[in-house]
Protein backbone atom coordinates (compact mmCIF):
# COMPACT_ATOMS: atom_id res chain seq x y z
CA MET A 1 -14.38 8.77 12.50
CA SER A 2 -12.07 11.75 12.19
CA ILE A 3 -11.48 12.42 8.50
CA PRO A 4 -7.88 13.41 7.74
CA SER A 5 -7.84 16.44 5.47
CA ASP A 6 -4.42 18.10 5.70
CA ILE A 7 -2.72 15.54 3.46
CA ILE A 8 -5.44 15.84 0.82
CA SER A 9 -5.55 19.63 1.05
CA ALA A 10 -1.78 19.88 0.58
CA ALA A 11 -1.89 17.69 -2.52
CA LYS A 12 -4.74 19.69 -4.00
CA ARG A 13 -2.93 22.97 -3.42
CA GLN A 14 -0.07 21.56 -5.47
CA GLY A 15 -2.43 20.44 -8.22
CA ARG A 16 -1.81 16.74 -7.59
CA THR A 17 -4.40 13.95 -7.70
CA ILE A 18 -2.06 11.08 -6.82
CA LEU A 19 -0.75 10.94 -3.27
CA THR A 20 2.80 9.74 -2.76
CA GLU A 21 3.31 6.44 -0.97
CA GLU A 22 4.48 8.38 2.07
CA GLU A 23 1.30 10.50 2.06
CA SER A 24 -0.91 7.47 1.44
CA LYS A 25 0.57 5.60 4.38
CA LYS A 26 0.31 8.63 6.66
CA LEU A 27 -3.36 8.81 5.79
CA LEU A 28 -3.80 5.10 6.55
CA ARG A 29 -2.08 5.43 9.90
CA GLU A 30 -4.46 8.26 10.77
CA LEU A 31 -7.20 5.69 10.18
CA ASN A 32 -5.36 3.30 12.56
CA ILE A 33 -4.38 0.96 9.74
CA GLU A 34 -0.92 -0.51 10.24
CA THR A 35 1.68 0.15 7.53
CA THR A 36 5.39 -0.34 7.12
CA GLN A 37 7.69 2.40 8.43
CA LEU A 38 8.71 4.86 5.75
CA SER A 39 11.02 7.83 5.31
CA VAL A 40 12.14 9.55 2.11
CA ALA A 41 15.83 10.01 1.39
CA SER A 42 16.93 12.43 -1.31
CA SER A 43 20.51 11.18 -1.56
CA LYS A 44 22.52 7.98 -1.26
CA GLU A 45 23.98 9.17 2.02
CA GLU A 46 20.52 9.89 3.45
CA ALA A 47 19.30 6.46 2.32
CA VAL A 48 22.15 4.79 4.20
CA ALA A 49 21.52 6.90 7.31
CA GLU A 50 17.76 6.23 7.30
CA SER A 51 18.37 2.52 6.80
CA SER A 52 20.56 2.45 9.89
CA LYS A 53 17.83 4.21 11.88
CA ILE A 54 15.09 1.85 10.75
CA GLY A 55 17.27 -1.25 11.10
CA PHE A 56 18.24 -3.86 8.52
CA PRO A 57 16.92 -5.48 6.43
CA VAL A 58 15.24 -2.66 4.52
CA VAL A 59 13.44 -2.01 1.25
CA LEU A 60 14.19 0.89 -1.11
CA LYS A 61 11.52 2.20 -3.51
CA ILE A 62 11.70 5.05 -5.97
CA ALA A 63 9.89 8.13 -4.65
CA SER A 64 8.29 9.81 -7.63
CA PRO A 65 4.77 11.10 -8.30
CA ASP A 66 5.29 10.26 -11.97
CA ILE A 67 6.28 6.59 -11.63
CA THR A 68 3.32 4.45 -10.62
CA HIS A 69 4.56 0.94 -11.34
CA LYS A 70 7.78 1.06 -9.38
CA SER A 71 8.85 -2.57 -9.81
CA ASP A 72 8.47 -2.46 -13.59
CA ALA A 73 10.80 0.55 -13.68
CA GLY A 74 13.48 -1.18 -11.63
CA GLY A 75 12.54 1.10 -8.76
CA VAL A 76 12.31 -1.45 -5.95
CA LYS A 77 15.11 -3.26 -4.12
CA VAL A 78 14.28 -5.60 -1.24
CA ASN A 79 16.05 -7.42 1.58
CA LEU A 80 18.99 -5.01 1.82
CA ASN A 81 21.13 -6.02 4.78
CA SER A 82 23.97 -3.50 4.94
CA ALA A 83 24.95 0.09 4.22
CA GLU A 84 26.89 -1.10 1.19
CA GLU A 85 23.87 -2.89 -0.25
CA VAL A 86 21.69 0.17 0.33
CA ALA A 87 24.21 2.47 -1.40
CA GLN A 88 24.41 0.18 -4.43
CA ALA A 89 20.64 -0.23 -4.55
CA TYR A 90 20.15 3.54 -4.49
CA GLU A 91 22.47 3.96 -7.50
CA ASP A 92 20.79 1.10 -9.39
CA ILE A 93 17.30 2.49 -8.77
CA MET A 94 18.25 5.98 -9.90
CA GLU A 95 19.99 4.73 -13.04
CA SER A 96 17.07 2.52 -14.06
CA CYS A 97 14.29 5.00 -13.35
CA LYS A 98 16.01 7.99 -14.95
CA LYS A 99 16.69 5.90 -18.04
CA GLN A 100 13.10 4.69 -18.38
CA PHE A 101 11.40 7.90 -17.21
CA PRO A 102 13.77 10.78 -18.09
CA ALA A 103 11.06 13.41 -17.61
CA ALA A 104 9.81 12.09 -14.25
CA ARG A 105 10.15 14.12 -11.08
CA ILE A 106 12.20 12.04 -8.67
CA ASP A 107 12.26 12.99 -5.00
CA GLY A 108 14.68 10.24 -3.99
CA VAL A 109 13.83 6.87 -2.51
CA SER A 110 11.58 5.72 0.28
CA VAL A 111 13.34 3.60 2.90
CA GLN A 112 11.11 1.03 4.57
CA ASN A 113 11.49 -1.79 7.02
CA MET A 114 11.46 -5.26 5.46
CA VAL A 115 8.58 -7.24 6.94
CA GLN A 116 8.24 -11.00 7.08
CA PRO A 117 6.14 -12.46 4.25
CA GLY A 118 2.52 -13.10 5.10
CA ILE A 119 -0.57 -14.11 3.17
CA GLU A 120 -0.93 -11.41 0.52
CA VAL A 121 -4.34 -9.80 0.14
CA ILE A 122 -5.61 -6.67 -1.58
CA ILE A 123 -8.05 -4.12 -0.21
CA GLY A 124 -9.24 -1.41 -2.54
CA MET A 125 -11.87 1.19 -3.33
CA THR A 126 -12.96 2.66 -6.64
CA LYS A 127 -15.62 5.29 -7.30
CA ASP A 128 -18.38 4.03 -9.57
CA SER A 129 -20.34 6.72 -11.44
CA GLN A 130 -23.65 5.05 -10.60
CA PHE A 131 -23.13 3.37 -7.23
CA GLY A 132 -20.45 5.54 -5.62
CA PRO A 133 -17.59 3.98 -3.60
CA VAL A 134 -17.18 0.24 -4.23
CA ILE A 135 -14.95 -1.81 -1.91
CA MET A 136 -12.83 -4.72 -3.14
CA PHE A 137 -11.14 -7.60 -1.31
CA GLY A 138 -9.12 -10.51 -2.66
CA LEU A 139 -5.83 -12.30 -2.85
CA GLY A 140 -3.11 -9.72 -3.41
CA GLY A 141 0.29 -9.32 -4.98
CA VAL A 142 0.58 -10.94 -8.40
CA TRP A 143 -2.36 -13.22 -7.61
CA VAL A 144 -4.90 -10.44 -8.12
CA GLU A 145 -3.73 -10.11 -11.74
CA VAL A 146 -3.42 -13.85 -12.39
CA LEU A 147 -6.45 -15.25 -10.56
CA LYS A 148 -8.66 -12.17 -10.25
CA ASP A 149 -10.05 -13.77 -7.10
CA VAL A 150 -11.85 -10.75 -5.67
CA SER A 151 -15.18 -9.75 -4.14
CA PHE A 152 -17.00 -6.40 -4.22
CA ARG A 153 -19.53 -4.51 -2.11
CA ILE A 154 -20.97 -0.99 -2.24
CA ALA A 155 -19.87 1.29 0.63
CA PRO A 156 -20.65 1.80 3.39
CA LEU A 157 -20.19 -1.83 4.44
CA THR A 158 -21.90 -3.52 7.33
CA GLU A 159 -19.88 -5.89 9.52
CA SER A 160 -21.76 -8.72 7.83
CA ASP A 161 -20.71 -7.41 4.40
CA ALA A 162 -17.05 -7.35 5.41
CA ALA A 163 -17.17 -10.90 6.75
CA LYS A 164 -18.91 -12.21 3.63
CA MET A 165 -16.47 -10.45 1.28
CA ILE A 166 -13.57 -12.30 2.84
CA LYS A 167 -15.28 -15.70 3.01
CA GLU A 168 -16.58 -15.73 -0.55
CA ILE A 169 -13.24 -15.52 -2.37
CA LYS A 170 -11.89 -18.85 -3.63
CA GLY A 171 -8.66 -18.26 -1.74
CA PHE A 172 -10.36 -18.09 1.64
CA SER A 173 -8.90 -21.51 2.45
CA LEU A 174 -5.46 -19.88 2.42
CA LEU A 175 -6.60 -17.40 5.06
CA LYS A 176 -7.95 -20.21 7.24
CA GLY A 177 -4.50 -21.82 7.39
CA TYR A 178 -3.04 -24.54 5.23
CA ARG A 179 -0.29 -27.18 5.47
CA GLY A 180 0.59 -26.21 9.01
CA THR A 181 0.62 -22.45 8.42
CA PRO A 182 -1.34 -20.42 10.98
CA PRO A 183 -4.63 -18.82 9.94
CA ALA A 184 -4.75 -15.11 9.21
CA ASP A 185 -6.38 -12.74 11.66
CA ILE A 186 -9.71 -12.45 9.85
CA ALA A 187 -11.07 -9.95 12.38
CA VAL A 188 -8.24 -7.52 11.58
CA LEU A 189 -8.95 -7.80 7.84
CA GLU A 190 -12.65 -7.18 8.47
CA ASP A 191 -11.73 -4.11 10.52
CA MET A 192 -9.50 -2.77 7.72
CA LEU A 193 -12.35 -3.20 5.23
CA MET A 194 -14.72 -1.33 7.53
CA LYS A 195 -12.27 1.55 8.03
CA ILE A 196 -11.65 1.94 4.29
CA SER A 197 -15.39 1.72 3.63
CA ARG A 198 -16.30 4.40 6.18
CA TYR A 199 -13.52 6.70 5.04
CA ALA A 200 -14.48 6.35 1.37
CA ALA A 201 -18.14 6.99 2.13
CA GLU A 202 -17.34 10.10 4.19
CA THR A 203 -14.66 11.59 1.92
CA PRO A 204 -15.87 12.63 -1.55
CA ASP A 205 -12.36 13.81 -2.49
CA ILE A 206 -11.16 10.19 -2.68
CA LYS A 207 -11.41 8.48 -6.07
CA GLU A 208 -9.36 5.31 -5.53
CA ILE A 209 -7.59 3.49 -2.70
CA ASP A 210 -5.28 0.56 -3.39
CA LEU A 211 -3.61 -1.43 -0.60
CA ASN A 212 -1.62 -4.13 -2.35
CA PRO A 213 -0.19 -6.12 -0.89
CA VAL A 214 -1.47 -6.29 2.65
CA PHE A 215 0.45 -8.98 4.54
CA ALA A 216 -1.97 -10.89 6.75
CA TYR A 217 -0.54 -12.64 9.81
CA SER A 218 -2.02 -14.65 12.64
CA ASP A 219 -2.32 -11.63 14.94
CA HIS A 220 -2.27 -8.51 12.74
CA ALA A 221 -2.01 -7.23 9.16
CA VAL A 222 0.31 -4.68 7.55
CA ALA A 223 -0.22 -2.58 4.42
CA VAL A 224 3.10 -2.96 2.60
CA ASP A 225 2.22 -0.76 -0.37
CA ALA A 226 -0.49 1.87 -0.71
CA ARG A 227 -1.80 4.31 -3.29
CA VAL A 228 -4.52 6.92 -2.97
CA ILE A 229 -5.92 8.85 -5.93
CA LEU A 230 -8.03 12.00 -5.52
CA GLU A 231 -10.86 13.33 -7.61
CA ASN A 232 -9.89 16.06 -10.08
């Protein structure tokens, strides 16, 4: 696997350990992991123009290296269907985030395509001081905080490891399909786990990777939000 290094090197030159969402998703796409489209707009006018390029509906998120929990800061607006809604959302996001985080560096907003809801899962990696990179899989979104239905394995994973991680969570029945909903593409989720595992094992600069949520569909999966943290 080719290990992307330019994104990490640029962040390190700037003294940063947390990649922006834009950088994190660029890194994932270099690993052939599907993400939502994303562009950063530094003004209300740019946000409207980028939204028109991407196509409605869109999502706006605050773009700031200093604001980690965007939703809690009022920094996320979803399902925006017109230029007027985007303009108002931009103003609301800026007002809320500047009020709650007056010292934060704000680069603008990220404009992303709004994807159809899927089964929400989380894929992550944390660096354990004893065991090294540890891979996590489970139900994502708010469910990871409420149910804590997750499984863990030490990287690098085998294909058997990836398959077992997915099957052993209590929510696996959701991924198999329920009440007429189609099953998720398990093979794609296994492939994503393998790619994250290999990358983490080969890249000592990476401390944490958090893909939450990943929307799992019947024929693919999309990382809707992503965060990558580097070692100091």
